[in-house]
Amino acid sequence: MKEKIVLIGKPLFDFYGHDYEFLPPESELDAYTVERYLEKLKNKSEFSEPGGCTLNIAKHLVKPKKEVYLIGSIGNDEIGEEYKKHAEEKGIKLYLKHAEETTGITVNSMKGKCWYYYGASNFLDETIEEYWNDIIESDMIIVDAYSFTSPHNLLLEIFEKHPGEKYLILSGCKKDEFIKKYISPFNFLKNKKIKFEIIFGNHEEWRSLSEDLIPESNIKVITYPWGCEIIEKHGKKKIQIVHETISVENIYTISAGDVFSGTFISLYVEKYPIEECAREACKNSFNKIKSNIRKFWRKKYLK
């Protein structure tokens, strides 16, 4: 029988480029604005692809003896269909709700500015309720914490009732106050002896938490940075990973972080040694950067 893995998070479509001056401030993005500028976004972007934390992990988890499912919500639009097609081509099964909203997007300017519009992905709660039994009966669940504004009864109930392996991913640059607000409600699981693991995207996120927010007894903590030092708490182990770097005039790191986190987390939940998780993640993200350089070089000089 195949192992069933369910990933819960926001489906998003990522756009990358230089010239996004036509977009309004992020605070003013709404469904109408996104729909209005979608075609222009596609034309102005140098690169675009389906994304989101859980999709990036799921792509690395698909194996012959595993069934990988994504739970989320998309819009009835072109990029929503493209997201579905991309996931299905990767062998991922979908538990998706179609909302009367635009599919969520992220717009990443190479000048350092980002826009987020979550749109249809904000209907995640309804999708979870619809596929509740499929979640609880799975062998493993992986939840993108930042898909929720803050943990609520529905999410905590999943962790309480799911009998299999449970992973909570906090991977992103969030403020200390938000992280503490997010983690605090999980303290109630301490007394119930419910075991799960929390995976942080960098040391700053982990260091912002005090011991009382992460009980020693039943919650394991892993942090991975952008490829250097790995700390495994409770195992009391530190590992230095040194990897090759490249020197070029312009390094396009588009999607390299997604590749790193997707590789690291997918191998980690499969019980690979943490050193191997880090090395493979470094290697794959490095290869992604090299691929980006070739792609943009061709685009710039071979027109």
Protein backbone atom coordinates (compact mmCIF):
# COMPACT_ATOMS: atom_id res chain seq x y z
CA MET A 1 0.00 0.00 0.00
CA LYS A 2 1.27 3.46 -0.88
CA GLU A 3 2.08 5.98 1.82
CA LYS A 4 -0.35 8.91 1.69
CA ILE A 5 1.14 12.36 2.32
CA VAL A 6 -1.07 15.44 2.51
CA LEU A 7 0.32 18.98 2.25
CA ILE A 8 -1.84 21.92 3.34
CA GLY A 9 -1.08 25.47 2.19
CA LYS A 10 -1.72 28.37 -0.17
CA PRO A 11 -1.47 27.72 -3.92
CA LEU A 12 0.27 30.75 -5.45
CA PHE A 13 1.53 31.81 -8.85
CA ASP A 14 4.94 33.51 -8.82
CA PHE A 15 6.08 36.30 -11.15
CA TYR A 16 9.68 37.58 -11.37
CA GLY A 17 11.04 40.58 -13.26
CA HIS A 18 12.48 44.10 -13.19
CA ASP A 19 9.79 46.46 -14.47
CA TYR A 20 6.72 46.45 -12.22
CA GLU A 21 6.36 50.21 -11.83
CA PHE A 22 2.82 49.97 -13.20
CA LEU A 23 1.60 48.10 -10.11
CA PRO A 24 -0.03 50.00 -7.22
CA PRO A 25 1.23 49.57 -3.62
CA GLU A 26 0.71 46.08 -2.20
CA SER A 27 -1.89 47.41 0.23
CA GLU A 28 -4.03 48.44 -2.75
CA LEU A 29 -3.95 45.09 -4.56
CA ASP A 30 -7.41 43.58 -4.92
CA ALA A 31 -9.11 41.09 -7.23
CA TYR A 32 -10.04 43.77 -9.77
CA THR A 33 -6.48 45.17 -9.91
CA VAL A 34 -4.90 41.72 -10.27
CA GLU A 35 -7.30 40.72 -13.04
CA ARG A 36 -6.73 44.05 -14.77
CA TYR A 37 -2.93 43.73 -14.75
CA LEU A 38 -2.57 39.95 -15.16
CA GLU A 39 -1.83 40.02 -18.89
CA LYS A 40 0.64 42.86 -18.39
CA LEU A 41 2.28 40.93 -15.55
CA LYS A 42 2.82 37.96 -17.85
CA ASN A 43 4.34 40.15 -20.57
CA LYS A 44 6.56 42.14 -18.21
CA SER A 45 7.81 39.17 -16.18
CA GLU A 46 11.04 37.51 -17.18
CA PHE A 47 9.98 34.32 -15.44
CA SER A 48 6.75 32.96 -13.93
CA GLU A 49 5.69 29.60 -12.49
CA PRO A 50 3.23 27.95 -10.07
CA GLY A 51 4.55 28.12 -6.52
CA GLY A 52 3.80 28.22 -2.84
CA CYS A 53 5.63 26.41 -0.03
CA THR A 54 3.66 23.16 -0.20
CA LEU A 55 3.93 22.77 -3.98
CA ASN A 56 7.70 23.28 -3.78
CA ILE A 57 7.94 20.46 -1.22
CA ALA A 58 5.41 18.17 -2.92
CA LYS A 59 7.35 18.14 -6.21
CA HIS A 60 10.30 16.54 -4.41
CA LEU A 61 8.18 14.00 -2.49
CA VAL A 62 6.54 12.23 -5.44
CA LYS A 63 7.89 8.66 -5.54
CA PRO A 64 6.52 5.30 -6.80
CA LYS A 65 5.50 4.19 -3.28
CA LYS A 66 3.97 7.51 -2.23
CA GLU A 67 0.74 9.32 -3.01
CA VAL A 68 1.21 13.05 -2.56
CA TYR A 69 -1.83 15.32 -2.18
CA LEU A 70 -2.08 19.10 -2.10
CA ILE A 71 -4.94 20.82 -0.29
CA GLY A 72 -5.70 24.42 -1.18
CA SER A 73 -7.94 26.81 -3.05
CA ILE A 74 -7.53 28.39 -6.51
CA GLY A 75 -9.61 30.67 -8.72
CA ASN A 76 -11.53 29.85 -11.87
CA ASP A 77 -8.93 31.50 -14.08
CA GLU A 78 -6.07 30.82 -16.45
CA ILE A 79 -3.28 30.77 -13.86
CA GLY A 80 -5.36 28.51 -11.61
CA GLU A 81 -5.66 26.02 -14.46
CA GLU A 82 -1.94 26.36 -15.14
CA TYR A 83 -1.25 25.60 -11.47
CA LYS A 84 -3.41 22.46 -11.67
CA LYS A 85 -1.76 21.28 -14.87
CA HIS A 86 1.73 21.84 -13.48
CA ALA A 87 1.00 19.90 -10.28
CA GLU A 88 -0.65 17.01 -12.11
CA GLU A 89 2.26 16.76 -14.55
CA LYS A 90 4.56 16.38 -11.52
CA GLY A 91 2.44 13.45 -10.31
CA ILE A 92 0.75 15.36 -7.47
CA LYS A 93 -2.88 14.63 -6.66
CA LEU A 94 -5.08 17.63 -5.87
CA TYR A 95 -7.76 18.35 -3.31
CA LEU A 96 -8.59 21.83 -4.57
CA LYS A 97 -11.53 24.12 -4.04
CA HIS A 98 -12.42 26.55 -6.83
CA ALA A 99 -13.29 29.90 -5.31
CA GLU A 100 -14.96 32.88 -6.97
CA GLU A 101 -11.71 34.82 -6.64
CA THR A 102 -8.45 35.32 -8.48
CA THR A 103 -5.78 32.68 -7.89
CA GLY A 104 -3.22 33.98 -5.37
CA ILE A 105 -0.07 35.57 -6.77
CA THR A 106 3.34 36.83 -5.66
CA VAL A 107 5.22 39.42 -7.70
CA ASN A 108 8.96 39.60 -7.02
CA SER A 109 10.88 42.56 -8.38
CA MET A 110 14.62 42.12 -8.84
CA LYS A 111 14.86 45.64 -7.45
CA GLY A 112 13.94 44.21 -4.06
CA LYS A 113 10.21 44.91 -3.89
CA CYS A 114 7.49 42.25 -3.48
CA TRP A 115 3.73 42.19 -3.85
CA TYR A 116 1.43 39.51 -2.45
CA TYR A 117 -2.21 38.92 -3.21
CA TYR A 118 -3.58 35.71 -1.70
CA GLY A 119 -6.99 35.86 -3.36
CA ALA A 120 -8.60 32.44 -3.70
CA SER A 121 -6.03 30.82 -1.41
CA ASN A 122 -7.70 32.57 1.54
CA PHE A 123 -10.50 30.00 1.28
CA LEU A 124 -8.20 27.32 2.70
CA ASP A 125 -10.36 26.68 5.79
CA GLU A 126 -13.33 25.65 3.66
CA THR A 127 -11.14 23.30 1.64
CA ILE A 128 -9.81 21.67 4.83
CA GLU A 129 -13.34 21.09 6.10
CA GLU A 130 -14.34 19.55 2.77
CA TYR A 131 -11.44 17.09 2.80
CA TRP A 132 -11.25 16.56 6.56
CA ASN A 133 -11.40 12.75 6.49
CA ASP A 134 -8.71 12.55 3.81
CA ILE A 135 -6.43 14.65 6.01
CA ILE A 136 -7.00 12.70 9.22
CA GLU A 137 -6.68 9.30 7.50
CA SER A 138 -3.36 10.16 5.79
CA ASP A 139 0.00 8.79 6.95
CA MET A 140 1.71 12.18 7.10
CA ILE A 141 0.66 15.83 7.05
CA ILE A 142 2.85 18.84 6.23
CA VAL A 143 1.33 22.25 6.98
CA ASP A 144 2.62 25.62 5.78
CA ALA A 145 2.09 27.69 8.91
CA TYR A 146 2.03 31.02 7.10
CA SER A 147 -0.98 29.92 5.08
CA PHE A 148 -2.96 30.90 8.18
CA THR A 149 -3.12 34.35 9.76
CA SER A 150 -2.77 32.62 13.13
CA PRO A 151 -3.51 29.09 14.31
CA HIS A 152 -7.12 28.42 15.15
CA ASN A 153 -9.23 25.52 16.36
CA LEU A 154 -9.42 23.86 12.96
CA LEU A 155 -5.65 23.63 12.56
CA LEU A 156 -5.02 22.63 16.18
CA GLU A 157 -7.69 19.95 15.87
CA ILE A 158 -5.86 18.47 12.88
CA PHE A 159 -2.68 18.15 14.93
CA GLU A 160 -4.61 16.69 17.84
CA LYS A 161 -6.55 14.08 15.86
CA HIS A 162 -4.10 13.08 13.14
CA PRO A 163 -2.45 9.81 14.27
CA GLY A 164 0.51 9.89 11.87
CA GLU A 165 3.57 12.08 11.37
CA LYS A 166 3.01 15.83 11.58
CA TYR A 167 5.21 18.69 10.38
CA LEU A 168 4.62 22.44 10.76
CA ILE A 169 6.65 24.61 8.37
CA LEU A 170 7.55 28.18 9.36
CA SER A 171 9.71 29.30 6.48
CA GLY A 172 9.75 33.00 5.73
CA CYS A 173 10.83 36.36 7.07
CA LYS A 174 8.20 37.02 9.73
CA LYS A 175 8.42 39.28 12.76
CA ASP A 176 9.05 37.86 16.22
CA GLU A 177 5.63 38.95 17.46
CA PHE A 178 3.91 37.01 14.68
CA ILE A 179 5.94 33.85 15.32
CA LYS A 180 5.23 33.92 19.04
CA LYS A 181 1.55 34.55 18.38
CA TYR A 182 1.54 31.60 16.02
CA ILE A 183 3.42 29.11 18.19
CA SER A 184 1.80 29.89 21.56
CA PRO A 185 -1.52 28.04 20.94
CA PHE A 186 0.41 24.81 20.27
CA ASN A 187 1.41 24.71 23.93
CA PHE A 188 -1.85 22.93 24.71
CA LEU A 189 -0.47 19.91 22.80
CA LYS A 190 2.33 19.62 25.36
CA ASN A 191 0.04 18.17 28.01
CA LYS A 192 -1.56 15.80 25.53
CA LYS A 193 1.84 14.34 24.57
CA ILE A 194 1.10 14.85 20.88
CA LYS A 195 4.33 14.60 18.90
CA PHE A 196 5.08 16.73 15.89
CA GLU A 197 7.99 18.66 14.40
CA ILE A 198 8.40 22.33 13.58
CA ILE A 199 10.74 23.27 10.73
CA PHE A 200 11.99 26.86 10.67
CA GLY A 201 13.44 28.59 7.63
CA ASN A 202 16.20 30.44 9.49
CA HIS A 203 17.85 30.74 12.89
CA GLU A 204 16.40 34.16 13.62
CA GLU A 205 12.90 32.70 13.64
CA TRP A 206 13.92 29.94 16.02
CA ARG A 207 15.96 32.21 18.28
CA SER A 208 13.01 34.53 18.74
CA LEU A 209 11.24 31.81 20.73
CA SER A 210 11.75 30.98 24.38
CA GLU A 211 11.78 27.43 25.71
CA ASP A 212 8.29 27.76 27.16
CA LEU A 213 6.93 28.31 23.65
CA ILE A 214 8.53 25.10 22.33
CA PRO A 215 8.08 22.39 24.99
CA GLU A 216 11.04 20.02 25.25
CA SER A 217 8.90 16.94 25.83
CA ASN A 218 7.11 16.27 22.58
CA ILE A 219 7.89 18.88 19.94
CA LYS A 220 11.09 18.58 17.91
CA VAL A 221 12.56 21.66 16.25
CA ILE A 222 14.66 21.80 13.08
CA THR A 223 16.06 24.92 11.46
CA TYR A 224 17.66 25.21 8.06
CA PRO A 225 19.27 28.39 6.76
CA TRP A 226 20.24 29.21 3.21
CA GLY A 227 22.66 26.34 3.05
CA CYS A 228 25.22 26.85 5.83
CA GLU A 229 24.60 25.88 9.43
CA ILE A 230 22.00 23.33 10.49
CA ILE A 231 20.85 23.06 14.10
CA GLU A 232 18.85 20.08 15.28
CA LYS A 233 17.45 20.85 18.70
CA HIS A 234 17.05 18.01 21.20
CA GLY A 235 19.66 16.08 19.20
CA LYS A 236 22.04 18.87 20.35
CA LYS A 237 23.88 18.73 17.07
CA LYS A 238 25.45 21.43 14.92
CA ILE A 239 26.62 20.83 11.38
CA GLN A 240 28.55 23.16 9.13
CA ILE A 241 27.84 22.68 5.44
CA VAL A 242 30.33 24.44 3.17
CA HIS A 243 29.36 24.54 -0.49
CA GLU A 244 30.75 25.93 -3.71
CA THR A 245 29.98 29.52 -4.65
CA ILE A 246 30.16 31.24 -8.01
CA SER A 247 31.30 34.73 -8.92
CA VAL A 248 29.47 36.45 -11.75
CA GLU A 249 28.31 39.98 -12.43
CA ASN A 250 24.62 39.19 -11.89
CA ILE A 251 23.37 36.20 -9.91
CA TYR A 252 19.70 35.47 -10.51
CA THR A 253 18.54 33.57 -7.45
CA ILE A 254 14.98 33.21 -8.76
CA SER A 255 13.37 30.11 -7.23
CA ALA A 256 16.69 28.97 -5.73
CA GLY A 257 15.34 29.45 -2.21
CA ASP A 258 12.20 27.49 -3.09
CA VAL A 259 14.35 24.69 -4.51
CA PHE A 260 16.52 24.68 -1.37
CA SER A 261 13.59 24.49 1.07
CA GLY A 262 11.64 22.02 -1.08
CA THR A 263 14.63 19.68 -1.34
CA PHE A 264 15.64 19.96 2.31
CA ILE A 265 12.18 19.42 3.78
CA SER A 266 11.21 16.59 1.41
CA LEU A 267 14.38 14.64 2.25
CA TYR A 268 14.11 15.42 5.96
CA VAL A 269 10.58 14.04 6.31
CA GLU A 270 11.78 10.91 4.49
CA LYS A 271 14.31 10.43 7.32
CA TYR A 272 17.47 11.16 5.36
CA PRO A 273 20.46 12.20 7.51
CA ILE A 274 20.34 15.92 8.08
CA GLU A 275 23.79 16.36 6.50
CA GLU A 276 22.51 14.81 3.27
CA CYS A 277 19.37 16.97 3.33
CA ALA A 278 21.52 20.09 3.54
CA ARG A 279 24.03 19.03 0.90
CA GLU A 280 21.36 18.03 -1.62
CA ALA A 281 19.48 21.27 -0.97
CA CYS A 282 22.66 23.29 -1.54
CA LYS A 283 23.44 21.36 -4.71
CA ASN A 284 19.96 21.73 -6.19
CA SER A 285 19.69 25.44 -5.39
CA PHE A 286 23.17 26.01 -6.82
CA ASN A 287 22.14 24.22 -10.02
CA LYS A 288 19.00 26.38 -10.16
CA ILE A 289 21.13 29.54 -9.99
CA LYS A 290 23.36 28.27 -12.81
CA SER A 291 20.24 27.47 -14.84
CA ASN A 292 18.93 31.01 -14.25
CA ILE A 293 22.20 32.54 -15.40
CA ARG A 294 22.09 30.55 -18.65
CA LYS A 295 18.43 31.40 -19.19
CA PHE A 296 18.85 35.15 -18.70
CA TRP A 297 22.06 35.22 -20.71
CA ARG A 298 20.23 33.67 -23.66
CA LYS A 299 17.33 36.07 -23.22
CA LYS A 300 19.62 39.10 -23.11
CA TYR A 301 22.08 38.27 -25.88
CA LEU A 302 20.29 35.88 -28.23
CA LYS A 303 17.21 37.94 -29.09
